[in-house]
C-alpha atoms as a PDB file:
ATOM      1  CA  MET A   1       0.000   0.000   0.000  1.00  0.00           C
ATOM      2  CA  GLN A   2       0.986   3.673  -0.269  1.00  0.00           C
ATOM      3  CA  ARG A   3       1.261   6.033   2.669  1.00  0.00           C
ATOM      4  CA  ILE A   4       2.473   9.570   3.311  1.00  0.00           C
ATOM      5  CA  VAL A   5       5.358   9.764   5.783  1.00  0.00           C
ATOM      6  CA  CYS A   6       6.773  12.626   7.822  1.00  0.00           C
ATOM      7  CA  HIS A   7      10.479  11.927   8.452  1.00  0.00           C
ATOM      8  CA  ALA A   8      11.381  15.420   9.675  1.00  0.00           C
ATOM      9  CA  PHE A   9       9.214  18.305  10.835  1.00  0.00           C
ATOM     10  CA  GLY A  10       8.780  20.947   8.175  1.00  0.00           C
ATOM     11  CA  PRO A  11       6.465  22.253   5.439  1.00  0.00           C
ATOM     12  CA  PRO A  12       4.085  19.883   3.613  1.00  0.00           C
ATOM     13  CA  ASP A  13       6.425  19.528   0.624  1.00  0.00           C
ATOM     14  CA  THR A  14       8.901  17.628   2.836  1.00  0.00           C
ATOM     15  CA  LEU A  15       6.450  14.738   3.206  1.00  0.00           C
ATOM     16  CA  THR A  16       7.167  11.628   1.146  1.00  0.00           C
ATOM     17  CA  LEU A  17       4.865   9.140  -0.565  1.00  0.00           C
ATOM     18  CA  GLU A  18       6.130   5.616   0.167  1.00  0.00           C
ATOM     19  CA  ASP A  19       5.191   1.973  -0.260  1.00  0.00           C
ATOM     20  CA  ALA A  20       4.612  -0.089   2.881  1.00  0.00           C
ATOM     21  CA  PRO A  21       3.265  -3.544   3.777  1.00  0.00           C
ATOM     22  CA  TRP A  22      -0.476  -3.837   4.251  1.00  0.00           C
ATOM     23  CA  PRO A  23      -1.156  -3.477   8.002  1.00  0.00           C
ATOM     24  CA  SER A  24      -2.253  -6.525   9.979  1.00  0.00           C
ATOM     25  CA  PRO A  25      -4.650  -5.910  12.883  1.00  0.00           C
ATOM     26  CA  GLY A  26      -3.726  -7.054  16.372  1.00  0.00           C
ATOM     27  CA  PRO A  27      -6.156  -7.997  19.130  1.00  0.00           C
ATOM     28  CA  GLY A  28      -9.028  -5.504  19.350  1.00  0.00           C
ATOM     29  CA  GLN A  29      -7.961  -3.754  16.148  1.00  0.00           C
ATOM     30  CA  VAL A  30      -9.610  -3.342  12.750  1.00  0.00           C
ATOM     31  CA  CYS A  31      -7.839  -2.779   9.433  1.00  0.00           C
ATOM     32  CA  VAL A  32      -9.727  -0.258   7.298  1.00  0.00           C
ATOM     33  CA  ARG A  33      -9.234   0.371   3.584  1.00  0.00           C
ATOM     34  CA  ILE A  34      -9.359   4.162   3.575  1.00  0.00           C
ATOM     35  CA  GLU A  35     -11.509   5.973   1.026  1.00  0.00           C
ATOM     36  CA  ALA A  36     -11.345   9.452   2.592  1.00  0.00           C
ATOM     37  CA  THR A  37      -9.164  11.184   5.194  1.00  0.00           C
ATOM     38  CA  GLY A  38     -10.222  14.237   7.182  1.00  0.00           C
ATOM     39  CA  LEU A  39      -7.546  16.826   7.947  1.00  0.00           C
ATOM     40  CA  GLY A  40      -7.575  19.736  10.366  1.00  0.00           C
ATOM     41  CA  PHE A  41      -5.380  22.730  11.084  1.00  0.00           C
ATOM     42  CA  VAL A  42      -3.698  20.705  13.838  1.00  0.00           C
ATOM     43  CA  ASP A  43      -2.459  18.159  11.280  1.00  0.00           C
ATOM     44  CA  GLY A  44      -0.518  20.900   9.489  1.00  0.00           C
ATOM     45  CA  LEU A  45       0.946  22.121  12.787  1.00  0.00           C
ATOM     46  CA  LEU A  46       1.994  18.577  13.724  1.00  0.00           C
ATOM     47  CA  ILE A  47       3.773  18.106  10.395  1.00  0.00           C
ATOM     48  CA  ALA A  48       5.576  21.418  10.903  1.00  0.00           C
ATOM     49  CA  GLY A  49       6.548  20.523  14.478  1.00  0.00           C
ATOM     50  CA  LYS A  50       4.642  23.558  15.764  1.00  0.00           C
ATOM     51  CA  TYR A  51       1.993  21.824  17.844  1.00  0.00           C
ATOM     52  CA  GLN A  52       2.126  21.559  21.645  1.00  0.00           C
ATOM     53  CA  ILE A  53       2.908  17.855  21.340  1.00  0.00           C
ATOM     54  CA  GLN A  54       5.171  16.233  18.770  1.00  0.00           C
ATOM     55  CA  PRO A  55       4.760  12.640  17.573  1.00  0.00           C
ATOM     56  CA  PRO A  56       7.845  10.413  17.397  1.00  0.00           C
ATOM     57  CA  LEU A  57       9.420  10.414  13.941  1.00  0.00           C
ATOM     58  CA  PRO A  58       8.864   9.018  11.408  1.00  0.00           C
ATOM     59  CA  TYR A  59       5.078   8.986  11.478  1.00  0.00           C
ATOM     60  CA  VAL A  60       2.117   8.871   9.104  1.00  0.00           C
ATOM     61  CA  PRO A  61      -0.141  11.927   9.590  1.00  0.00           C
ATOM     62  CA  GLY A  62      -3.916  11.894   9.782  1.00  0.00           C
ATOM     63  CA  SER A  63      -6.215  10.526  12.461  1.00  0.00           C
ATOM     64  CA  GLU A  64      -9.778  10.558  11.049  1.00  0.00           C
ATOM     65  CA  PHE A  65     -11.052   8.581   8.104  1.00  0.00           C
ATOM     66  CA  ALA A  66     -13.856   6.659   6.438  1.00  0.00           C
ATOM     67  CA  GLY A  67     -13.654   3.448   4.443  1.00  0.00           C
ATOM     68  CA  THR A  68     -14.435  -0.265   4.448  1.00  0.00           C
ATOM     69  CA  VAL A  69     -13.377  -2.958   6.895  1.00  0.00           C
ATOM     70  CA  GLU A  70     -10.608  -5.061   5.360  1.00  0.00           C
ATOM     71  CA  ALA A  71      -9.602  -7.362   8.232  1.00  0.00           C
ATOM     72  CA  LEU A  72     -10.459  -8.010  11.879  1.00  0.00           C
ATOM     73  CA  GLY A  73      -8.139  -8.585  14.795  1.00  0.00           C
ATOM     74  CA  GLU A  74      -8.735 -11.164  17.490  1.00  0.00           C
ATOM     75  CA  GLY A  75     -11.673 -10.339  19.742  1.00  0.00           C
ATOM     76  CA  VAL A  76     -13.395  -7.867  17.417  1.00  0.00           C
ATOM     77  CA  THR A  77     -17.132  -8.580  17.440  1.00  0.00           C
ATOM     78  CA  ASP A  78     -18.956  -5.414  16.355  1.00  0.00           C
ATOM     79  CA  PHE A  79     -17.804  -5.321  12.707  1.00  0.00           C
ATOM     80  CA  GLU A  80     -17.537  -7.578   9.687  1.00  0.00           C
ATOM     81  CA  VAL A  81     -15.302  -7.442   6.625  1.00  0.00           C
ATOM     82  CA  GLY A  82     -16.881  -5.112   4.073  1.00  0.00           C
ATOM     83  CA  ASP A  83     -18.664  -2.862   6.577  1.00  0.00           C
ATOM     84  CA  ARG A  84     -18.691   0.848   5.744  1.00  0.00           C
ATOM     85  CA  VAL A  85     -17.200   2.688   8.706  1.00  0.00           C
ATOM     86  CA  TYR A  86     -15.675   5.924   9.923  1.00  0.00           C
ATOM     87  CA  GLY A  87     -13.491   6.580  12.904  1.00  0.00           C
ATOM     88  CA  LEU A  88     -10.222   7.521  14.527  1.00  0.00           C
ATOM     89  CA  GLY A  89      -6.796   5.942  14.223  1.00  0.00           C
ATOM     90  CA  GLN A  90      -3.286   7.197  13.632  1.00  0.00           C
ATOM     91  CA  GLY A  91      -1.836   7.009  10.122  1.00  0.00           C
ATOM     92  CA  ALA A  92      -4.934   7.898   8.100  1.00  0.00           C
ATOM     93  CA  LEU A  93      -2.965   9.445   5.193  1.00  0.00           C
ATOM     94  CA  ALA A  94      -2.560   6.001   3.676  1.00  0.00           C
ATOM     95  CA  GLU A  95      -4.418   3.382   1.675  1.00  0.00           C
ATOM     96  CA  ALA A  96      -5.156   1.518   4.906  1.00  0.00           C
ATOM     97  CA  ALA A  97      -4.821   2.063   8.638  1.00  0.00           C
ATOM     98  CA  LEU A  98      -5.474   0.272  11.900  1.00  0.00           C
ATOM     99  CA  ALA A  99      -8.013   1.504  14.421  1.00  0.00           C
ATOM    100  CA  PRO A 100      -9.089   0.200  17.813  1.00  0.00           C
ATOM    101  CA  GLU A 101     -12.588  -1.244  17.648  1.00  0.00           C
ATOM    102  CA  VAL A 102     -13.763   1.232  20.296  1.00  0.00           C
ATOM    103  CA  ASN A 103     -12.957   4.174  17.981  1.00  0.00           C
ATOM    104  CA  LEU A 104     -14.667   2.769  14.886  1.00  0.00           C
ATOM    105  CA  PHE A 105     -18.320   3.467  14.056  1.00  0.00           C
ATOM    106  CA  PRO A 106     -20.843   2.399  11.396  1.00  0.00           C
ATOM    107  CA  LEU A 107     -21.096   4.961   8.614  1.00  0.00           C
ATOM    108  CA  PRO A 108     -24.703   6.236   8.677  1.00  0.00           C
ATOM    109  CA  LYS A 109     -26.755   4.988   5.735  1.00  0.00           C
ATOM    110  CA  GLY A 110     -26.518   7.202   2.665  1.00  0.00           C
ATOM    111  CA  LEU A 111     -23.544   9.174   3.936  1.00  0.00           C
ATOM    112  CA  PRO A 112     -20.607   9.307   1.466  1.00  0.00           C
ATOM    113  CA  PHE A 113     -17.124   8.432   2.659  1.00  0.00           C
ATOM    114  CA  SER A 114     -15.978  12.027   2.181  1.00  0.00           C
ATOM    115  CA  VAL A 115     -18.572  13.311   4.659  1.00  0.00           C
ATOM    116  CA  GLY A 116     -17.958  10.456   7.084  1.00  0.00           C
ATOM    117  CA  ALA A 117     -14.277  11.354   7.244  1.00  0.00           C
ATOM    118  CA  SER A 118     -15.223  14.902   8.259  1.00  0.00           C
ATOM    119  CA  LEU A 119     -17.205  13.849  11.332  1.00  0.00           C
ATOM    120  CA  PRO A 120     -15.047  12.421  14.115  1.00  0.00           C
ATOM    121  CA  VAL A 121     -12.906  15.247  15.473  1.00  0.00           C
ATOM    122  CA  ASN A 122     -14.957  18.371  14.805  1.00  0.00           C
ATOM    123  CA  THR A 123     -18.492  17.035  15.173  1.00  0.00           C
ATOM    124  CA  PHE A 124     -17.669  14.978  18.257  1.00  0.00           C
ATOM    125  CA  THR A 125     -15.966  18.000  19.833  1.00  0.00           C
ATOM    126  CA  ALA A 126     -19.010  20.175  19.177  1.00  0.00           C
ATOM    127  CA  LEU A 127     -21.420  17.582  20.585  1.00  0.00           C
ATOM    128  CA  TYR A 128     -19.228  17.141  23.657  1.00  0.00           C
ATOM    129  CA  GLY A 129     -18.961  20.899  24.128  1.00  0.00           C
ATOM    130  CA  PHE A 130     -22.607  21.809  23.625  1.00  0.00           C
ATOM    131  CA  GLU A 131     -24.191  18.831  25.403  1.00  0.00           C
ATOM    132  CA  GLN A 132     -21.706  17.810  28.096  1.00  0.00           C
ATOM    133  CA  CYS A 133     -19.576  20.864  28.881  1.00  0.00           C
ATOM    134  CA  THR A 134     -22.682  23.043  28.844  1.00  0.00           C
ATOM    135  CA  GLN A 135     -26.319  22.324  28.199  1.00  0.00           C
ATOM    136  CA  LEU A 136     -27.198  24.263  25.068  1.00  0.00           C
ATOM    137  CA  SER A 137     -30.941  24.901  24.989  1.00  0.00           C
ATOM    138  CA  PRO A 138     -33.190  25.476  21.974  1.00  0.00           C
ATOM    139  CA  GLY A 139     -33.501  29.160  21.197  1.00  0.00           C
ATOM    140  CA  GLU A 140     -30.209  30.169  22.802  1.00  0.00           C
ATOM    141  CA  ARG A 141     -28.007  32.544  20.814  1.00  0.00           C
ATOM    142  CA  VAL A 142     -24.547  31.250  19.997  1.00  0.00           C
ATOM    143  CA  LEU A 143     -21.497  32.981  18.551  1.00  0.00           C
ATOM    144  CA  ILE A 144     -19.093  30.589  16.835  1.00  0.00           C
ATOM    145  CA  LEU A 145     -15.658  32.041  16.169  1.00  0.00           C
ATOM    146  CA  GLY A 146     -13.699  30.621  13.232  1.00  0.00           C
ATOM    147  CA  GLY A 147     -17.081  29.920  11.712  1.00  0.00           C
ATOM    148  CA  GLY A 148     -15.831  29.338   8.165  1.00  0.00           C
ATOM    149  CA  GLY A 149     -13.294  26.597   8.930  1.00  0.00           C
ATOM    150  CA  GLY A 150     -13.750  22.914   9.620  1.00  0.00           C
ATOM    151  CA  VAL A 151     -14.095  23.281  13.393  1.00  0.00           C
ATOM    152  CA  GLY A 152     -16.475  26.219  13.121  1.00  0.00           C
ATOM    153  CA  THR A 153     -18.759  24.848  10.421  1.00  0.00           C
ATOM    154  CA  ALA A 154     -19.168  21.579  12.356  1.00  0.00           C
ATOM    155  CA  ALA A 155     -20.035  23.573  15.480  1.00  0.00           C
ATOM    156  CA  ILE A 156     -22.607  25.582  13.498  1.00  0.00           C
ATOM    157  CA  ALA A 157     -24.212  22.389  12.193  1.00  0.00           C
ATOM    158  CA  VAL A 158     -24.392  20.858  15.683  1.00  0.00           C
ATOM    159  CA  ALA A 159     -25.695  24.047  17.325  1.00  0.00           C
ATOM    160  CA  LYS A 160     -28.444  24.305  14.700  1.00  0.00           C
ATOM    161  CA  ALA A 161     -29.310  20.637  15.223  1.00  0.00           C
ATOM    162  CA  LEU A 162     -29.814  21.431  18.921  1.00  0.00           C
ATOM    163  CA  GLY A 163     -32.127  24.327  18.115  1.00  0.00           C
ATOM    164  CA  ALA A 164     -29.837  27.312  18.668  1.00  0.00           C
ATOM    165  CA  TRP A 165     -29.756  30.618  16.789  1.00  0.00           C
ATOM    166  CA  VAL A 166     -26.225  30.964  15.415  1.00  0.00           C
ATOM    167  CA  VAL A 167     -24.061  33.892  14.393  1.00  0.00           C
ATOM    168  CA  ALA A 168     -20.695  32.918  12.910  1.00  0.00           C
ATOM    169  CA  GLY A 169     -17.471  34.863  13.023  1.00  0.00           C
ATOM    170  CA  ALA A 170     -15.921  34.730   9.547  1.00  0.00           C
ATOM    171  CA  SER A 171     -13.118  36.922   8.234  1.00  0.00           C
ATOM    172  CA  THR A 172     -13.595  36.483   4.456  1.00  0.00           C
ATOM    173  CA  ASP A 173     -16.519  36.327   2.056  1.00  0.00           C
ATOM    174  CA  ALA A 174     -15.714  32.698   1.210  1.00  0.00           C
ATOM    175  CA  LYS A 175     -15.701  31.677   4.863  1.00  0.00           C
ATOM    176  CA  ALA A 176     -18.880  33.626   5.553  1.00  0.00           C
ATOM    177  CA  GLU A 177     -20.526  31.732   2.698  1.00  0.00           C
ATOM    178  CA  ALA A 178     -19.285  28.403   4.140  1.00  0.00           C
ATOM    179  CA  ALA A 179     -20.725  29.382   7.526  1.00  0.00           C
ATOM    180  CA  ARG A 180     -24.099  30.182   5.964  1.00  0.00           C
ATOM    181  CA  ARG A 181     -24.079  26.863   4.075  1.00  0.00           C
ATOM    182  CA  ALA A 182     -23.429  25.139   7.416  1.00  0.00           C
ATOM    183  CA  GLY A 183     -26.585  26.789   8.772  1.00  0.00           C
ATOM    184  CA  ALA A 184     -25.501  30.084  10.350  1.00  0.00           C
ATOM    185  CA  ASP A 185     -28.339  32.568  10.741  1.00  0.00           C
ATOM    186  CA  ALA A 186     -25.962  35.547  10.496  1.00  0.00           C
ATOM    187  CA  THR A 187     -22.263  36.296  10.091  1.00  0.00           C
ATOM    188  CA  VAL A 188     -19.949  39.001  11.419  1.00  0.00           C
ATOM    189  CA  ASN A 189     -16.277  39.735  10.804  1.00  0.00           C
ATOM    190  CA  PRO A 190     -14.399  39.496  14.134  1.00  0.00           C
ATOM    191  CA  ARG A 191     -11.396  41.267  12.587  1.00  0.00           C
ATOM    192  CA  ALA A 192     -13.443  44.391  11.881  1.00  0.00           C
ATOM    193  CA  PRO A 193     -13.007  47.300  14.324  1.00  0.00           C
ATOM    194  CA  SER A 194     -16.809  47.385  14.573  1.00  0.00           C
ATOM    195  CA  PHE A 195     -17.038  43.691  15.569  1.00  0.00           C
ATOM    196  CA  ARG A 196     -18.966  44.188  18.819  1.00  0.00           C
ATOM    197  CA  GLU A 197     -21.298  46.757  17.313  1.00  0.00           C
ATOM    198  CA  ASP A 198     -21.937  44.483  14.336  1.00  0.00           C
ATOM    199  CA  LEU A 199     -22.669  41.624  16.733  1.00  0.00           C
ATOM    200  CA  LYS A 200     -25.132  43.760  18.692  1.00  0.00           C
ATOM    201  CA  ALA A 201     -26.852  44.716  15.432  1.00  0.00           C
ATOM    202  CA  VAL A 202     -27.447  41.117  14.301  1.00  0.00           C
ATOM    203  CA  LEU A 203     -28.588  40.149  17.807  1.00  0.00           C
ATOM    204  CA  GLN A 204     -31.119  43.010  17.704  1.00  0.00           C
ATOM    205  CA  GLY A 205     -30.690  43.750  21.390  1.00  0.00           C
ATOM    206  CA  ALA A 206     -31.004  40.148  22.566  1.00  0.00           C
ATOM    207  CA  PRO A 207     -28.315  38.694  24.850  1.00  0.00           C
ATOM    208  CA  LEU A 208     -25.609  36.357  23.578  1.00  0.00           C
ATOM    209  CA  ASP A 209     -25.788  33.100  25.535  1.00  0.00           C
ATOM    210  CA  VAL A 210     -22.815  31.008  24.380  1.00  0.00           C
ATOM    211  CA  VAL A 211     -19.494  31.611  22.624  1.00  0.00           C
ATOM    212  CA  TYR A 212     -17.747  28.641  20.961  1.00  0.00           C
ATOM    213  CA  ASP A 213     -14.109  29.697  20.650  1.00  0.00           C
ATOM    214  CA  PRO A 214     -11.567  27.557  18.764  1.00  0.00           C
ATOM    215  CA  VAL A 215      -9.535  30.646  17.822  1.00  0.00           C
ATOM    216  CA  GLY A 216      -8.374  32.476  20.956  1.00  0.00           C
ATOM    217  CA  GLY A 217      -5.995  35.400  20.601  1.00  0.00           C
ATOM    218  CA  PRO A 218      -7.497  38.886  20.366  1.00  0.00           C
ATOM    219  CA  PHE A 219     -11.000  37.582  19.686  1.00  0.00           C
ATOM    220  CA  SER A 220     -11.764  35.849  22.990  1.00  0.00           C
ATOM    221  CA  GLU A 221     -12.145  38.886  25.247  1.00  0.00           C
ATOM    222  CA  PRO A 222     -14.498  40.930  23.030  1.00  0.00           C
ATOM    223  CA  ALA A 223     -16.575  37.787  22.515  1.00  0.00           C
ATOM    224  CA  LEU A 224     -16.784  37.217  26.274  1.00  0.00           C
ATOM    225  CA  ARG A 225     -17.700  40.878  26.820  1.00  0.00           C
ATOM    226  CA  SER A 226     -20.628  40.332  24.441  1.00  0.00           C
ATOM    227  CA  LEU A 227     -22.169  37.598  26.607  1.00  0.00           C
ATOM    228  CA  GLY A 228     -25.291  38.259  28.640  1.00  0.00           C
ATOM    229  CA  PRO A 229     -25.740  37.239  32.289  1.00  0.00           C
ATOM    230  CA  GLY A 230     -25.399  33.487  32.676  1.00  0.00           C
ATOM    231  CA  GLY A 231     -23.473  33.248  29.411  1.00  0.00           C
ATOM    232  CA  ARG A 232     -20.778  30.660  28.755  1.00  0.00           C
ATOM    233  CA  LEU A 233     -17.493  30.975  26.867  1.00  0.00           C
ATOM    234  CA  LEU A 234     -16.459  27.535  25.597  1.00  0.00           C
ATOM    235  CA  VAL A 235     -12.688  27.401  25.109  1.00  0.00           C
ATOM    236  CA  VAL A 236     -12.027  24.899  22.321  1.00  0.00           C
ATOM    237  CA  GLY A 237      -8.587  25.837  20.957  1.00  0.00           C
ATOM    238  CA  PHE A 238      -6.166  28.514  19.874  1.00  0.00           C
ATOM    239  CA  ALA A 239      -5.995  28.488  16.081  1.00  0.00           C
ATOM    240  CA  SER A 240      -4.784  32.100  16.166  1.00  0.00           C
ATOM    241  CA  GLY A 241      -1.566  30.875  17.792  1.00  0.00           C
ATOM    242  CA  THR A 242      -2.106  33.084  20.850  1.00  0.00           C
ATOM    243  CA  ILE A 243      -3.759  32.282  24.173  1.00  0.00           C
ATOM    244  CA  ALA A 244      -5.956  35.138  25.343  1.00  0.00           C
ATOM    245  CA  LYS A 245      -5.339  36.763  28.731  1.00  0.00           C
ATOM    246  CA  ILE A 246      -8.836  37.568  29.997  1.00  0.00           C
ATOM    247  CA  PRO A 247      -9.433  39.765  33.067  1.00  0.00           C
ATOM    248  CA  LEU A 248     -11.249  37.410  35.421  1.00  0.00           C
ATOM    249  CA  ASN A 249     -13.237  40.249  36.953  1.00  0.00           C
ATOM    250  CA  LEU A 250     -15.320  40.137  33.765  1.00  0.00           C
ATOM    251  CA  THR A 251     -16.764  36.763  34.758  1.00  0.00           C
ATOM    252  CA  LEU A 252     -17.820  38.263  38.088  1.00  0.00           C
ATOM    253  CA  LEU A 253     -19.276  41.463  36.669  1.00  0.00           C
ATOM    254  CA  LYS A 254     -21.063  39.710  33.798  1.00  0.00           C
ATOM    255  CA  ARG A 255     -22.139  36.679  35.877  1.00  0.00           C
ATOM    256  CA  CYS A 256     -20.778  34.405  33.137  1.00  0.00           C
ATOM    257  CA  SER A 257     -18.489  31.388  33.031  1.00  0.00           C
ATOM    258  CA  ILE A 258     -15.503  30.090  31.078  1.00  0.00           C
ATOM    259  CA  VAL A 259     -15.568  26.363  30.303  1.00  0.00           C
ATOM    260  CA  GLY A 260     -12.765  24.262  28.806  1.00  0.00           C
ATOM    261  CA  VAL A 261     -13.785  21.838  26.035  1.00  0.00           C
ATOM    262  CA  ASP A 262     -11.036  19.203  25.915  1.00  0.00           C
ATOM    263  CA  TRP A 263     -12.643  16.403  23.924  1.00  0.00           C
ATOM    264  CA  GLY A 264      -9.267  14.713  23.419  1.00  0.00           C
ATOM    265  CA  GLY A 265      -8.569  14.577  27.140  1.00  0.00           C
ATOM    266  CA  ALA A 266     -12.109  13.422  27.856  1.00  0.00           C
ATOM    267  CA  MET A 267     -11.919  10.531  25.382  1.00  0.00           C
ATOM    268  CA  ARG A 268      -8.583   9.406  26.803  1.00  0.00           C
ATOM    269  CA  ALA A 269     -10.118   9.395  30.272  1.00  0.00           C
ATOM    270  CA  ASP A 270     -13.283   7.585  29.143  1.00  0.00           C
ATOM    271  CA  ALA A 271     -12.954   5.017  26.361  1.00  0.00           C
ATOM    272  CA  SER A 272     -16.734   4.835  25.972  1.00  0.00           C
ATOM    273  CA  LEU A 273     -17.171   8.564  25.236  1.00  0.00           C
ATOM    274  CA  ASN A 274     -16.769   8.399  21.446  1.00  0.00           C
ATOM    275  CA  GLY A 275     -19.248   5.570  21.170  1.00  0.00           C
ATOM    276  CA  HIS A 276     -21.849   7.690  22.933  1.00  0.00           C
ATOM    277  CA  LEU A 277     -21.049  10.684  20.709  1.00  0.00           C
ATOM    278  CA  ALA A 278     -21.264   8.551  17.554  1.00  0.00           C
ATOM    279  CA  THR A 279     -24.662   7.235  18.648  1.00  0.00           C
ATOM    280  CA  ARG A 280     -25.880  10.765  19.303  1.00  0.00           C
ATOM    281  CA  CYS A 281     -24.530  11.906  15.937  1.00  0.00           C
ATOM    282  CA  ALA A 282     -26.335   9.041  14.176  1.00  0.00           C
ATOM    283  CA  GLU A 283     -29.602   9.935  15.959  1.00  0.00           C
ATOM    284  CA  LEU A 284     -29.420  13.566  14.855  1.00  0.00           C
ATOM    285  CA  LEU A 285     -28.524  12.582  11.283  1.00  0.00           C
ATOM    286  CA  ALA A 286     -31.341  10.015  11.077  1.00  0.00           C
ATOM    287  CA  ARG A 287     -34.019  12.614  11.837  1.00  0.00           C
ATOM    288  CA  ASP A 288     -32.390  15.235   9.607  1.00  0.00           C
ATOM    289  CA  ALA A 289     -31.739  17.529  12.560  1.00  0.00           C
ATOM    290  CA  LEU A 290     -28.008  17.469  11.875  1.00  0.00           C
ATOM    291  CA  ILE A 291     -27.062  18.524   8.361  1.00  0.00           C
ATOM    292  CA  PRO A 292     -23.356  17.680   7.833  1.00  0.00           C
ATOM    293  CA  ALA A 293     -21.183  20.758   7.481  1.00  0.00           C
ATOM    294  CA  PRO A 294     -19.749  21.553   4.032  1.00  0.00           C
ATOM    295  CA  ILE A 295     -16.400  20.047   3.076  1.00  0.00           C
ATOM    296  CA  THR A 296     -13.597  20.925   0.688  1.00  0.00           C
ATOM    297  CA  ALA A 297     -12.639  17.674  -1.043  1.00  0.00           C
ATOM    298  CA  ARG A 298      -9.272  17.273  -2.739  1.00  0.00           C
ATOM    299  CA  PRO A 299      -7.761  14.160  -4.365  1.00  0.00           C
ATOM    300  CA  PHE A 300      -5.349  12.193  -2.195  1.00  0.00           C
ATOM    301  CA  GLU A 301      -2.508  12.866  -4.651  1.00  0.00           C
ATOM    302  CA  ALA A 302      -2.837  16.635  -4.075  1.00  0.00           C
ATOM    303  CA  TYR A 303      -1.919  16.344  -0.390  1.00  0.00           C
ATOM    304  CA  VAL A 304       0.928  18.893  -0.505  1.00  0.00           C
ATOM    305  CA  LYS A 305      -1.146  21.751  -1.945  1.00  0.00           C
ATOM    306  CA  ALA A 306      -4.115  20.813   0.243  1.00  0.00           C
ATOM    307  CA  LEU A 307      -2.041  21.007   3.430  1.00  0.00           C
ATOM    308  CA  GLU A 308      -0.398  24.236   2.293  1.00  0.00           C
ATOM    309  CA  ASP A 309      -3.826  25.778   1.757  1.00  0.00           C
ATOM    310  CA  GLN A 310      -4.949  24.478   5.152  1.00  0.00           C
ATOM    311  CA  LEU A 311      -2.030  26.152   6.903  1.00  0.00           C
ATOM    312  CA  ALA A 312      -2.598  29.351   4.922  1.00  0.00           C
ATOM    313  CA  GLY A 313      -6.185  29.492   6.161  1.00  0.00           C
ATOM    314  CA  THR A 314      -7.725  29.464   2.697  1.00  0.00           C
ATOM    315  CA  ILE A 315      -9.741  26.254   3.079  1.00  0.00           C
ATOM    316  CA  ALA A 316     -13.453  26.848   3.694  1.00  0.00           C
ATOM    317  CA  GLY A 317     -15.184  24.105   5.619  1.00  0.00           C
ATOM    318  CA  LYS A 318     -13.513  20.790   6.438  1.00  0.00           C
ATOM    319  CA  LEU A 319     -10.608  19.567   4.301  1.00  0.00           C
ATOM    320  CA  VAL A 320     -10.982  15.958   3.155  1.00  0.00           C
ATOM    321  CA  LEU A 321      -8.648  13.995   0.875  1.00  0.00           C
ATOM    322  CA  THR A 322     -10.456  11.336  -1.148  1.00  0.00           C
ATOM    323  CA  ARG A 323      -9.643   8.290  -3.232  1.00  0.00           C
ATOM    324  CA  ASP A 324     -12.996   8.332  -5.081  1.00  0.00           C
END
């Protein structure tokens, strides 16, 4: 099989396409023939060696995928060869990868591989954040920062599925359009000097209840200041590269809270978490409450340009590499 290998941290053009033996699953593992691989901003940072953790070299990037079951390891009971699946497992930028059975899920009926590969990280994080880190209620008003990227569009789709009214922060026309296609009711540009005034205008005097913040940097504090009493700022990540320093007196004066959304840490602490999130995702999809967020699909062979565009911030929606 072919796989993409990172031998030294650097730009995407330092990755190499190599042949490797077909992987053989061990106990509790499943070998999946990969049809689509989802990629996030973090994948580009990992390849560059700029993320807060660094994988041992050499390694095969990518951790979310969709495809068909090729082989089963000892003790696997929930899947059969030929099943259409999606899930999580290291080394997804390859023709095949191994995944633990606990992190593999049936691909909902009618869902293409490309969409399935976009679900695990971003959609699971949004479900965990909105339903477990806070209890998002129908009719609440939500601001989603980074609303035109993969993380943001998935959060928009989930928030709409839960009945929220959503305004997305998007810094370009293309990303604003992606946010609207994901279901956003309104968009604002958080880079504009008039950001808070623009937000007040679209809210029409109503309070902002929740902020979903995967961006950080200079955007977190003005977003928090826009919350009404009882509001919640969900801290999801720091795509801006800067961690905001927020005056804690604001939480007292505004009677609001700051909540960390660490889906990765939660799933490592509870192996059953992703199964519950996948079941919830399937329920919402089955009744058409959850409309999958838009994706940007590129062919597998174009991985260098795709990752370069991801790091440059020009990808709207979720980036997925396909073998279709």
